[in-house]
Amino acid sequence: GNDHYGTIEGRGGNDLICQYARFGIGQRGHICVGVSARPINLSNPFTPGAGLHDFNPDRYDSLHVTSDQTNEVLAQVAWLLKSNRASSPLSPDYPVERIVMAGTSDSSGATRGYMGAVHNEAFRTPVGGPIIDGFFVTATLGGSPVEMTDVPTIQMPTQSEVHNTDTYRRPDSDEPPNLFRIYEPAGMSHNDARDQPPGVFVNCTHPLSQFPYGAMTFMGLQHIIDW
């Protein structure tokens, strides 16, 4: 189509929103961009070999980022894409009209950090509007309600979160500056076991879930784009 919507994901380790929703993203002509803006993306102490320094030391060893730079990196990448400058990797072939910032599980925490700390005031366009046009967070961890922003926001907690607590719930709202929806799909696991590399679940004694994880993730993403 003629309309292009960019989704950027503040990575925890994998671009899971891009991965899970890839079929719908490709069908609808959207673009998904993973942003490695956190120290854990460069060197991951919990998953040896997963960081960029391990993956390709010749290319990435000189790349460093601190945790207090993460939000600024996310904002700069989003504005580079949205402003459609000649230096953008997408322009001029794929002009961007709107930006959705998304994250799941650990990267939902990175997205929510941006939402709460800098979106509403610190990082805005030159005319004062939002750089990010919508937020989509899934498999959200913990019991804290999602941060309030002045743009459409959809939270999709999974069965794991619903089972542990419901203190994260807050009412849906159409009243600016609180534009919010919450979806709780029954049976949705914290991550999609079917989409994992071979061997990850080699010790599983039960059948893998057949829940349509990718379709449900894209449904939520498309709803935020339509909104």
Protein backbone atom coordinates (compact mmCIF):
# COMPACT_ATOMS: atom_id res chain seq x y z
CA GLY A 1 0.00 0.00 0.00
CA ASN A 2 0.92 3.67 0.06
CA ASP A 3 0.91 4.00 3.84
CA HIS A 4 3.97 2.85 5.76
CA TYR A 5 4.04 2.24 9.48
CA GLY A 6 7.28 1.49 11.27
CA THR A 7 7.44 -0.63 14.40
CA ILE A 8 10.60 -0.31 16.46
CA GLU A 9 11.42 -2.70 19.27
CA GLY A 10 13.84 -1.95 22.11
CA ARG A 11 15.50 -5.32 22.18
CA GLY A 12 16.04 -7.50 25.23
CA GLY A 13 17.75 -10.26 23.28
CA ASN A 14 15.57 -11.06 20.28
CA ASP A 15 13.20 -8.96 18.18
CA LEU A 16 10.27 -11.04 19.35
CA ILE A 17 7.47 -8.73 18.19
CA CYS A 18 9.06 -8.62 14.75
CA GLN A 19 9.50 -12.39 14.89
CA TYR A 20 6.04 -13.37 16.11
CA ALA A 21 4.09 -10.88 13.96
CA ARG A 22 6.29 -11.16 10.86
CA PHE A 23 3.66 -12.76 8.61
CA GLY A 24 1.07 -10.04 9.23
CA ILE A 25 3.71 -7.30 9.11
CA GLY A 26 4.83 -8.50 5.68
CA GLN A 27 1.28 -8.92 4.38
CA ARG A 28 0.20 -5.43 5.41
CA GLY A 29 3.32 -3.68 4.14
CA HIS A 30 4.53 -2.56 7.55
CA ILE A 31 8.21 -2.42 8.52
CA CYS A 32 9.73 -3.71 11.75
CA VAL A 33 13.09 -2.44 13.03
CA GLY A 34 14.99 -3.95 15.97
CA VAL A 35 17.07 -1.49 17.98
CA SER A 36 20.03 -2.71 20.03
CA ALA A 37 20.05 0.12 22.55
CA ARG A 38 20.91 -1.66 25.81
CA PRO A 39 24.12 -3.06 27.31
CA ILE A 40 22.55 -6.53 27.43
CA ASN A 41 22.27 -6.46 23.62
CA LEU A 42 26.05 -6.18 23.35
CA SER A 43 27.04 -8.63 26.07
CA ASN A 44 24.39 -10.89 27.58
CA PRO A 45 25.53 -12.48 30.87
CA PHE A 46 22.43 -14.66 31.04
CA THR A 47 22.79 -16.17 27.56
CA PRO A 48 26.45 -16.54 26.59
CA GLY A 49 26.95 -16.04 22.89
CA ALA A 50 23.75 -14.06 22.41
CA GLY A 51 25.31 -10.59 22.56
CA LEU A 52 26.59 -8.73 19.53
CA HIS A 53 30.14 -8.70 20.93
CA ASP A 54 30.13 -12.50 20.89
CA PHE A 55 28.24 -12.80 17.63
CA ASN A 56 30.65 -10.69 15.58
CA PRO A 57 33.57 -9.27 17.59
CA ASP A 58 35.32 -7.84 14.52
CA ARG A 59 32.32 -5.67 13.75
CA TYR A 60 30.89 -4.86 17.20
CA ASP A 61 33.74 -4.87 19.75
CA SER A 62 34.15 -1.10 19.49
CA LEU A 63 30.40 -0.51 20.01
CA HIS A 64 29.43 0.49 23.56
CA VAL A 65 26.27 1.81 25.16
CA THR A 66 25.34 2.52 28.76
CA SER A 67 21.93 2.07 30.32
CA ASP A 68 21.44 5.83 30.68
CA GLN A 69 21.81 6.20 26.90
CA THR A 70 19.12 3.67 25.98
CA ASN A 71 16.14 6.00 25.78
CA GLU A 72 18.06 8.59 23.79
CA VAL A 73 19.16 5.93 21.28
CA LEU A 74 15.56 4.75 20.87
CA ALA A 75 14.33 8.31 20.36
CA GLN A 76 17.05 9.14 17.84
CA VAL A 77 16.40 6.02 15.77
CA ALA A 78 12.64 6.67 15.82
CA TRP A 79 13.08 10.29 14.76
CA LEU A 80 15.57 9.37 12.04
CA LEU A 81 13.00 6.99 10.55
CA LYS A 82 9.96 9.20 11.06
CA SER A 83 11.54 12.40 9.73
CA ASN A 84 12.31 10.61 6.43
CA ARG A 85 15.71 12.23 6.08
CA ALA A 86 17.99 11.19 3.26
CA SER A 87 20.24 9.52 5.85
CA SER A 88 17.42 7.20 6.98
CA PRO A 89 17.96 3.58 5.90
CA LEU A 90 14.32 3.50 4.70
CA SER A 91 14.10 6.71 2.70
CA PRO A 92 13.16 7.54 0.03
CA ASP A 93 11.73 4.17 -1.00
CA TYR A 94 9.76 3.55 2.20
CA PRO A 95 8.53 6.86 3.67
CA VAL A 96 7.38 6.41 7.26
CA GLU A 97 4.14 7.99 8.44
CA ARG A 98 3.78 6.60 11.95
CA ILE A 99 6.01 4.88 14.51
CA VAL A 100 4.84 2.26 17.02
CA MET A 101 7.26 1.24 19.77
CA ALA A 102 6.75 -2.34 20.89
CA GLY A 103 8.27 -4.90 23.21
CA THR A 104 7.54 -8.26 24.75
CA SER A 105 8.73 -9.71 28.07
CA ASP A 106 12.12 -8.12 28.83
CA SER A 107 11.88 -5.70 25.92
CA SER A 108 8.44 -4.62 27.15
CA GLY A 109 10.35 -3.34 30.18
CA ALA A 110 12.64 -1.33 27.91
CA THR A 111 9.62 0.09 26.09
CA ARG A 112 7.86 0.95 29.34
CA GLY A 113 11.03 2.62 30.60
CA TYR A 114 10.86 4.91 27.59
CA MET A 115 7.16 5.52 28.09
CA GLY A 116 7.50 6.54 31.72
CA ALA A 117 10.78 8.43 31.67
CA VAL A 118 11.01 10.42 28.45
CA HIS A 119 8.05 10.09 26.07
CA ASN A 120 5.64 12.64 27.52
CA GLU A 121 8.09 15.50 27.99
CA ALA A 122 11.79 14.93 27.37
CA PHE A 123 11.93 13.57 23.81
CA ARG A 124 9.48 15.29 21.45
CA THR A 125 9.47 16.51 17.86
CA PRO A 126 10.68 20.04 17.09
CA VAL A 127 7.07 21.28 17.23
CA GLY A 128 6.40 19.53 20.55
CA GLY A 129 4.47 16.50 19.35
CA PRO A 130 5.28 12.88 20.15
CA ILE A 131 8.04 11.07 18.28
CA ILE A 132 6.33 7.76 19.01
CA ASP A 133 2.71 7.52 17.81
CA GLY A 134 1.69 4.42 19.75
CA PHE A 135 2.93 1.77 22.17
CA PHE A 136 2.31 -1.99 22.14
CA VAL A 137 3.63 -4.07 25.05
CA THR A 138 3.02 -7.81 25.44
CA ALA A 139 3.95 -10.45 28.01
CA THR A 140 4.38 -7.56 30.44
CA LEU A 141 6.22 -8.53 33.59
CA GLY A 142 5.16 -7.74 37.17
CA GLY A 143 2.09 -6.17 38.67
CA SER A 144 2.61 -2.46 37.96
CA PRO A 145 0.09 -0.76 35.67
CA VAL A 146 1.46 0.31 32.29
CA GLU A 147 2.73 3.88 32.17
CA MET A 148 0.31 6.54 30.92
CA THR A 149 1.17 8.31 27.66
CA ASP A 150 -0.51 10.81 25.35
CA VAL A 151 -0.69 8.34 22.44
CA PRO A 152 -2.67 5.09 21.92
CA THR A 153 -1.28 2.28 24.07
CA ILE A 154 -2.24 -1.40 24.10
CA GLN A 155 -1.10 -3.85 26.77
CA MET A 156 -1.38 -7.59 26.11
CA PRO A 157 -0.48 -9.59 29.23
CA THR A 158 -0.34 -13.34 28.69
CA GLN A 159 -1.61 -16.30 30.70
CA SER A 160 1.54 -16.20 32.86
CA GLU A 161 0.91 -12.64 33.99
CA VAL A 162 -2.84 -13.15 34.51
CA HIS A 163 -2.15 -16.27 36.56
CA ASN A 164 0.31 -14.50 38.87
CA THR A 165 -1.47 -11.20 39.58
CA ASP A 166 -4.06 -8.78 38.28
CA THR A 167 -2.71 -5.67 39.99
CA TYR A 168 -1.42 -4.39 36.64
CA ARG A 169 -5.00 -3.83 35.43
CA ARG A 170 -6.31 -0.32 34.89
CA PRO A 171 -9.49 0.79 33.08
CA ASP A 172 -9.62 1.25 29.32
CA SER A 173 -9.77 4.90 28.37
CA ASP A 174 -10.43 7.15 25.36
CA GLU A 175 -9.84 10.38 27.28
CA PRO A 176 -6.60 12.22 26.40
CA PRO A 177 -3.96 12.04 27.64
CA ASN A 178 -4.90 8.51 28.71
CA LEU A 179 -5.53 6.44 25.54
CA PHE A 180 -5.42 2.83 26.67
CA ARG A 181 -6.66 -0.70 26.04
CA ILE A 182 -5.80 -3.98 27.72
CA TYR A 183 -6.25 -7.39 26.05
CA GLU A 184 -5.94 -10.63 28.05
CA PRO A 185 -6.04 -13.56 25.58
CA ALA A 186 -6.90 -16.79 27.38
CA GLY A 187 -4.30 -19.52 26.89
CA MET A 188 -1.54 -17.27 25.51
CA SER A 189 1.84 -18.37 26.87
CA HIS A 190 4.58 -15.96 27.92
CA ASN A 191 6.52 -16.81 24.74
CA ASP A 192 5.74 -18.93 21.70
CA ALA A 193 7.28 -22.39 22.16
CA ARG A 194 6.64 -23.32 18.52
CA ASP A 195 8.87 -20.50 17.29
CA GLN A 196 11.95 -21.44 19.33
CA PRO A 197 15.13 -22.92 17.80
CA PRO A 198 15.26 -26.75 17.61
CA GLY A 199 16.39 -28.35 20.84
CA VAL A 200 15.32 -25.59 23.22
CA PHE A 201 12.43 -27.66 24.51
CA VAL A 202 14.12 -31.03 24.10
CA ASN A 203 13.19 -32.03 27.69
CA CYS A 204 9.50 -31.16 27.38
CA THR A 205 7.24 -34.02 28.47
CA HIS A 206 4.01 -32.41 27.26
CA PRO A 207 2.86 -31.40 23.76
CA LEU A 208 3.68 -27.84 22.74
CA SER A 209 0.82 -25.36 22.80
CA GLN A 210 -1.03 -24.87 19.53
CA PHE A 211 -2.16 -21.37 20.51
CA PRO A 212 -1.86 -19.07 17.44
CA TYR A 213 0.69 -16.83 19.12
CA GLY A 214 1.90 -15.00 16.03
CA ALA A 215 -1.61 -14.22 14.82
CA MET A 216 -2.64 -12.90 18.24
CA THR A 217 0.49 -10.73 18.49
CA PHE A 218 -0.13 -9.24 15.07
CA MET A 219 -3.80 -8.64 15.90
CA GLY A 220 -2.77 -6.44 18.81
CA LEU A 221 -0.16 -4.65 16.70
CA GLN A 222 -2.65 -4.01 13.89
CA HIS A 223 -5.19 -2.66 16.38
CA ILE A 224 -2.68 -0.09 17.64
CA ILE A 225 -1.86 0.89 14.03
CA ASP A 226 -5.58 1.25 13.18
CA TRP A 227 -6.10 3.31 16.34
